[in-house]
Amino acid sequence: MKKNRKTVWVVMHYEYIRWGGIILVDGVQFHVSSSLKKAEKYLRGAIVFPYSWWQVYPYVLDDDTGTEGETVFYYSHKGTPLRRAPYKRAESAFKRDEGKNRK
């Protein structure tokens, strides 16, 4: 019997948070799409903080070969493609936002 392999696209959302006195990156799985194009459409339609970003990667259902994470795509909080996760930019945005909210 031929094994049918189904690929889904996992959409992860990351943002900076303050936990006690420490600044941390928090991540959560937001969505699963049937194609990269649909995943990109989803994240472009979401409204999130400027100190956040998206990560999208393919996942083969019921796959135990350990290939998860070999292909990863990053996007800004607005859905613009990036080469890597924007840690420094997002942290700066978080600190600016924190400064505005403290006054």
N, C-alpha and C. Protein backbone atom coordinates (compact mmCIF):
# COMPACT_ATOMS: atom_id res chain seq x y z
N MET A 1 0.84 -1.18 0.00
CA MET A 1 0.00 0.00 0.00
C MET A 1 0.89 1.25 0.00
N LYS A 2 0.62 2.18 -0.90
CA LYS A 2 1.40 3.40 -1.02
C LYS A 2 1.02 4.38 0.10
N LYS A 3 2.02 4.94 0.73
CA LYS A 3 1.79 5.90 1.81
C LYS A 3 1.52 7.28 1.22
N ASN A 4 0.38 7.87 1.57
CA ASN A 4 0.00 9.19 1.08
C ASN A 4 0.55 10.24 2.05
N ARG A 5 1.43 11.11 1.56
CA ARG A 5 2.06 12.13 2.41
C ARG A 5 1.36 13.47 2.22
N LYS A 6 0.85 14.01 3.29
CA LYS A 6 0.16 15.30 3.27
C LYS A 6 1.00 16.34 3.99
N THR A 7 1.31 17.44 3.30
CA THR A 7 2.08 18.52 3.88
C THR A 7 1.14 19.66 4.28
N VAL A 8 1.35 20.16 5.49
CA VAL A 8 0.63 21.34 5.97
C VAL A 8 1.67 22.41 6.29
N TRP A 9 1.22 23.66 6.38
CA TRP A 9 2.11 24.78 6.66
C TRP A 9 1.75 25.35 8.02
N VAL A 10 2.69 25.29 8.94
CA VAL A 10 2.48 25.72 10.31
C VAL A 10 2.88 27.20 10.43
N VAL A 11 1.99 28.01 10.99
CA VAL A 11 2.23 29.44 11.18
C VAL A 11 2.47 29.69 12.67
N MET A 12 3.69 30.14 12.97
CA MET A 12 4.07 30.46 14.34
C MET A 12 4.14 31.97 14.49
N HIS A 13 3.74 32.47 15.64
CA HIS A 13 3.81 33.90 15.94
C HIS A 13 4.74 34.10 17.13
N TYR A 14 5.67 35.05 17.01
CA TYR A 14 6.62 35.35 18.08
C TYR A 14 6.53 36.83 18.42
N GLU A 15 6.65 37.14 19.72
CA GLU A 15 6.69 38.53 20.14
C GLU A 15 7.44 38.64 21.46
N TYR A 16 7.94 39.83 21.71
CA TYR A 16 8.61 40.09 22.98
C TYR A 16 7.58 40.36 24.06
N ILE A 17 7.88 39.87 25.27
CA ILE A 17 7.04 40.12 26.44
C ILE A 17 7.97 40.43 27.62
N ARG A 18 7.40 41.00 28.64
CA ARG A 18 8.15 41.18 29.89
C ARG A 18 7.53 40.26 30.92
N TRP A 19 8.35 39.41 31.51
CA TRP A 19 7.91 38.48 32.54
C TRP A 19 8.70 38.83 33.79
N GLY A 20 8.03 39.47 34.74
CA GLY A 20 8.77 40.01 35.88
C GLY A 20 9.65 41.14 35.38
N GLY A 21 10.93 41.08 35.64
CA GLY A 21 11.84 42.11 35.15
C GLY A 21 12.62 41.69 33.93
N ILE A 22 12.26 40.55 33.33
CA ILE A 22 13.03 39.98 32.22
C ILE A 22 12.26 40.11 30.91
N ILE A 23 12.96 40.51 29.85
CA ILE A 23 12.35 40.55 28.51
C ILE A 23 12.60 39.20 27.85
N LEU A 24 11.52 38.58 27.37
CA LEU A 24 11.58 37.25 26.76
C LEU A 24 10.90 37.26 25.39
N VAL A 25 11.21 36.25 24.58
CA VAL A 25 10.49 36.01 23.33
C VAL A 25 9.46 34.92 23.60
N ASP A 26 8.22 35.21 23.29
CA ASP A 26 7.14 34.25 23.47
C ASP A 26 6.67 33.78 22.10
N GLY A 27 6.49 32.50 21.93
CA GLY A 27 6.03 31.96 20.65
C GLY A 27 4.84 31.04 20.82
N VAL A 28 3.96 31.09 19.84
CA VAL A 28 2.78 30.23 19.88
C VAL A 28 2.38 29.85 18.45
N GLN A 29 1.90 28.64 18.30
CA GLN A 29 1.39 28.22 16.99
C GLN A 29 0.03 28.88 16.81
N PHE A 30 -0.12 29.65 15.73
CA PHE A 30 -1.34 30.41 15.49
C PHE A 30 -2.28 29.72 14.52
N HIS A 31 -1.73 29.03 13.54
CA HIS A 31 -2.57 28.58 12.43
C HIS A 31 -1.88 27.45 11.68
N VAL A 32 -2.65 26.66 10.97
CA VAL A 32 -2.13 25.63 10.06
C VAL A 32 -2.87 25.80 8.73
N SER A 33 -2.10 25.88 7.63
CA SER A 33 -2.69 26.08 6.30
C SER A 33 -2.34 24.92 5.39
N SER A 34 -3.08 24.79 4.31
CA SER A 34 -2.84 23.72 3.35
C SER A 34 -1.79 24.08 2.31
N SER A 35 -1.39 25.38 2.26
CA SER A 35 -0.36 25.79 1.30
C SER A 35 0.39 27.00 1.86
N LEU A 36 1.58 27.24 1.35
CA LEU A 36 2.35 28.42 1.77
C LEU A 36 1.61 29.69 1.39
N LYS A 37 1.01 29.72 0.22
CA LYS A 37 0.28 30.90 -0.24
C LYS A 37 -0.87 31.23 0.73
N LYS A 38 -1.59 30.23 1.19
CA LYS A 38 -2.69 30.47 2.13
C LYS A 38 -2.16 30.89 3.49
N ALA A 39 -1.03 30.35 3.90
CA ALA A 39 -0.42 30.75 5.17
C ALA A 39 -0.01 32.22 5.10
N GLU A 40 0.59 32.64 3.99
CA GLU A 40 1.00 34.03 3.82
C GLU A 40 -0.21 34.96 3.82
N LYS A 41 -1.28 34.55 3.19
CA LYS A 41 -2.51 35.35 3.16
C LYS A 41 -3.05 35.51 4.59
N TYR A 42 -3.00 34.43 5.36
CA TYR A 42 -3.48 34.47 6.74
C TYR A 42 -2.69 35.49 7.56
N LEU A 43 -1.37 35.42 7.51
CA LEU A 43 -0.58 36.30 8.37
C LEU A 43 -0.62 37.75 7.91
N ARG A 44 -0.81 37.99 6.62
CA ARG A 44 -0.94 39.38 6.15
C ARG A 44 -2.25 40.00 6.63
N GLY A 45 -3.24 39.17 6.91
CA GLY A 45 -4.53 39.68 7.38
C GLY A 45 -4.63 39.83 8.89
N ALA A 46 -3.63 39.34 9.61
CA ALA A 46 -3.66 39.41 11.07
C ALA A 46 -3.11 40.75 11.56
N ILE A 47 -3.64 41.23 12.66
CA ILE A 47 -3.14 42.46 13.26
C ILE A 47 -2.41 42.08 14.54
N VAL A 48 -1.10 42.36 14.55
CA VAL A 48 -0.27 42.02 15.69
C VAL A 48 0.63 43.20 16.04
N PHE A 49 1.29 43.13 17.18
CA PHE A 49 2.17 44.22 17.63
C PHE A 49 3.38 44.36 16.72
N PRO A 50 3.93 45.58 16.62
CA PRO A 50 5.11 45.82 15.78
C PRO A 50 6.37 45.12 16.31
N TYR A 51 6.34 44.65 17.54
CA TYR A 51 7.48 43.92 18.10
C TYR A 51 7.29 42.41 18.00
N SER A 52 6.60 42.00 16.96
CA SER A 52 6.38 40.58 16.72
C SER A 52 6.78 40.20 15.30
N TRP A 53 6.80 38.91 15.02
CA TRP A 53 7.10 38.41 13.68
C TRP A 53 6.50 37.02 13.53
N TRP A 54 6.53 36.54 12.30
CA TRP A 54 5.96 35.25 11.95
C TRP A 54 7.04 34.29 11.46
N GLN A 55 6.79 33.02 11.68
CA GLN A 55 7.63 31.95 11.13
C GLN A 55 6.67 30.93 10.52
N VAL A 56 6.96 30.51 9.30
CA VAL A 56 6.12 29.52 8.61
C VAL A 56 7.02 28.40 8.13
N TYR A 57 6.58 27.16 8.36
CA TYR A 57 7.37 26.02 7.90
C TYR A 57 6.46 24.88 7.49
N PRO A 58 6.91 24.06 6.54
CA PRO A 58 6.12 22.91 6.13
C PRO A 58 6.28 21.77 7.12
N TYR A 59 5.24 20.99 7.26
CA TYR A 59 5.28 19.82 8.14
C TYR A 59 4.52 18.68 7.44
N VAL A 60 5.17 17.56 7.31
CA VAL A 60 4.53 16.39 6.71
C VAL A 60 3.82 15.63 7.83
N LEU A 61 2.51 15.46 7.69
CA LEU A 61 1.74 14.78 8.72
C LEU A 61 2.23 13.36 8.94
N ASP A 62 2.29 12.98 10.20
CA ASP A 62 2.69 11.63 10.61
C ASP A 62 4.10 11.26 10.14
N ASP A 63 4.96 12.25 9.96
CA ASP A 63 6.32 12.01 9.51
C ASP A 63 7.24 11.89 10.73
N ASP A 64 8.00 10.84 10.79
CA ASP A 64 8.92 10.64 11.92
C ASP A 64 10.37 10.56 11.45
N THR A 65 10.68 11.20 10.31
CA THR A 65 12.03 11.12 9.76
C THR A 65 12.95 12.20 10.33
N GLY A 66 12.41 13.13 11.09
CA GLY A 66 13.23 14.18 11.69
C GLY A 66 13.60 15.30 10.73
N THR A 67 12.83 15.49 9.67
CA THR A 67 13.13 16.54 8.70
C THR A 67 12.45 17.87 9.03
N GLU A 68 11.68 17.91 10.10
CA GLU A 68 10.99 19.14 10.49
C GLU A 68 12.00 20.25 10.76
N GLY A 69 11.71 21.44 10.27
CA GLY A 69 12.55 22.59 10.53
C GLY A 69 13.65 22.84 9.52
N GLU A 70 13.76 21.99 8.50
CA GLU A 70 14.79 22.21 7.49
C GLU A 70 14.48 23.40 6.60
N THR A 71 13.21 23.67 6.37
CA THR A 71 12.77 24.81 5.57
C THR A 71 11.94 25.72 6.46
N VAL A 72 12.39 26.96 6.62
CA VAL A 72 11.69 27.92 7.48
C VAL A 72 11.63 29.27 6.77
N PHE A 73 10.49 29.91 6.82
CA PHE A 73 10.30 31.23 6.25
C PHE A 73 9.94 32.20 7.37
N TYR A 74 10.53 33.41 7.33
CA TYR A 74 10.25 34.44 8.33
C TYR A 74 9.56 35.62 7.66
N TYR A 75 8.69 36.27 8.44
CA TYR A 75 7.94 37.42 7.95
C TYR A 75 7.84 38.46 9.06
N SER A 76 7.78 39.73 8.67
CA SER A 76 7.60 40.81 9.63
C SER A 76 6.19 40.74 10.21
N HIS A 77 5.91 41.61 11.15
CA HIS A 77 4.58 41.66 11.75
C HIS A 77 3.51 42.04 10.72
N LYS A 78 3.94 42.65 9.60
CA LYS A 78 2.99 43.01 8.54
C LYS A 78 2.90 41.96 7.43
N GLY A 79 3.75 40.93 7.51
CA GLY A 79 3.71 39.88 6.50
C GLY A 79 4.75 40.02 5.40
N THR A 80 5.70 40.95 5.56
CA THR A 80 6.77 41.13 4.59
C THR A 80 7.82 40.03 4.76
N PRO A 81 8.23 39.35 3.70
CA PRO A 81 9.25 38.29 3.84
C PRO A 81 10.57 38.84 4.37
N LEU A 82 11.20 38.06 5.24
CA LEU A 82 12.49 38.41 5.84
C LEU A 82 13.47 37.25 5.64
N ARG A 83 14.75 37.54 5.73
CA ARG A 83 15.77 36.49 5.61
C ARG A 83 15.94 35.72 6.91
N ARG A 84 15.69 36.39 8.04
CA ARG A 84 15.87 35.77 9.35
C ARG A 84 14.92 36.42 10.34
N ALA A 85 14.82 35.84 11.51
CA ALA A 85 13.97 36.41 12.55
C ALA A 85 14.52 37.78 12.96
N PRO A 86 13.66 38.79 13.10
CA PRO A 86 14.10 40.15 13.39
C PRO A 86 14.24 40.45 14.88
N TYR A 87 15.07 39.70 15.57
CA TYR A 87 15.19 39.84 17.02
C TYR A 87 15.50 41.28 17.46
N LYS A 88 16.53 41.88 16.87
CA LYS A 88 16.96 43.22 17.31
C LYS A 88 15.91 44.28 17.00
N ARG A 89 15.36 44.25 15.78
CA ARG A 89 14.34 45.23 15.40
C ARG A 89 13.13 45.11 16.31
N ALA A 90 12.69 43.89 16.56
CA ALA A 90 11.50 43.67 17.38
C ALA A 90 11.75 44.06 18.84
N GLU A 91 12.93 43.76 19.34
CA GLU A 91 13.24 44.15 20.72
C GLU A 91 13.27 45.67 20.87
N SER A 92 13.83 46.37 19.89
CA SER A 92 13.83 47.83 19.92
C SER A 92 12.41 48.37 19.90
N ALA A 93 11.56 47.79 19.05
CA ALA A 93 10.15 48.21 18.97
C ALA A 93 9.44 47.95 20.30
N PHE A 94 9.75 46.83 20.93
CA PHE A 94 9.14 46.49 22.22
C PHE A 94 9.52 47.53 23.27
N LYS A 95 10.80 47.86 23.33
CA LYS A 95 11.27 48.83 24.33
C LYS A 95 10.67 50.21 24.07
N ARG A 96 10.55 50.62 22.80
CA ARG A 96 9.91 51.90 22.47
C ARG A 96 8.45 51.89 22.94
N ASP A 97 7.75 50.81 22.67
CA ASP A 97 6.34 50.69 23.05
C ASP A 97 6.20 50.70 24.57
N GLU A 98 7.08 50.02 25.25
CA GLU A 98 7.07 50.01 26.70
C GLU A 98 7.28 51.42 27.26
N GLY A 99 8.22 52.15 26.67
CA GLY A 99 8.50 53.51 27.09
C GLY A 99 7.29 54.43 26.93
N LYS A 100 6.58 54.28 25.83
CA LYS A 100 5.38 55.09 25.60
C LYS A 100 4.29 54.79 26.61
N ASN A 101 4.15 53.51 26.97
CA ASN A 101 3.07 53.09 27.88
C ASN A 101 3.37 53.36 29.35
N ARG A 102 4.61 53.65 29.68
CA ARG A 102 4.96 53.93 31.08
C ARG A 102 4.63 55.36 31.46
N LYS A 103 4.52 56.24 30.50
CA LYS A 103 4.30 57.67 30.79
C LYS A 103 2.86 57.97 31.04
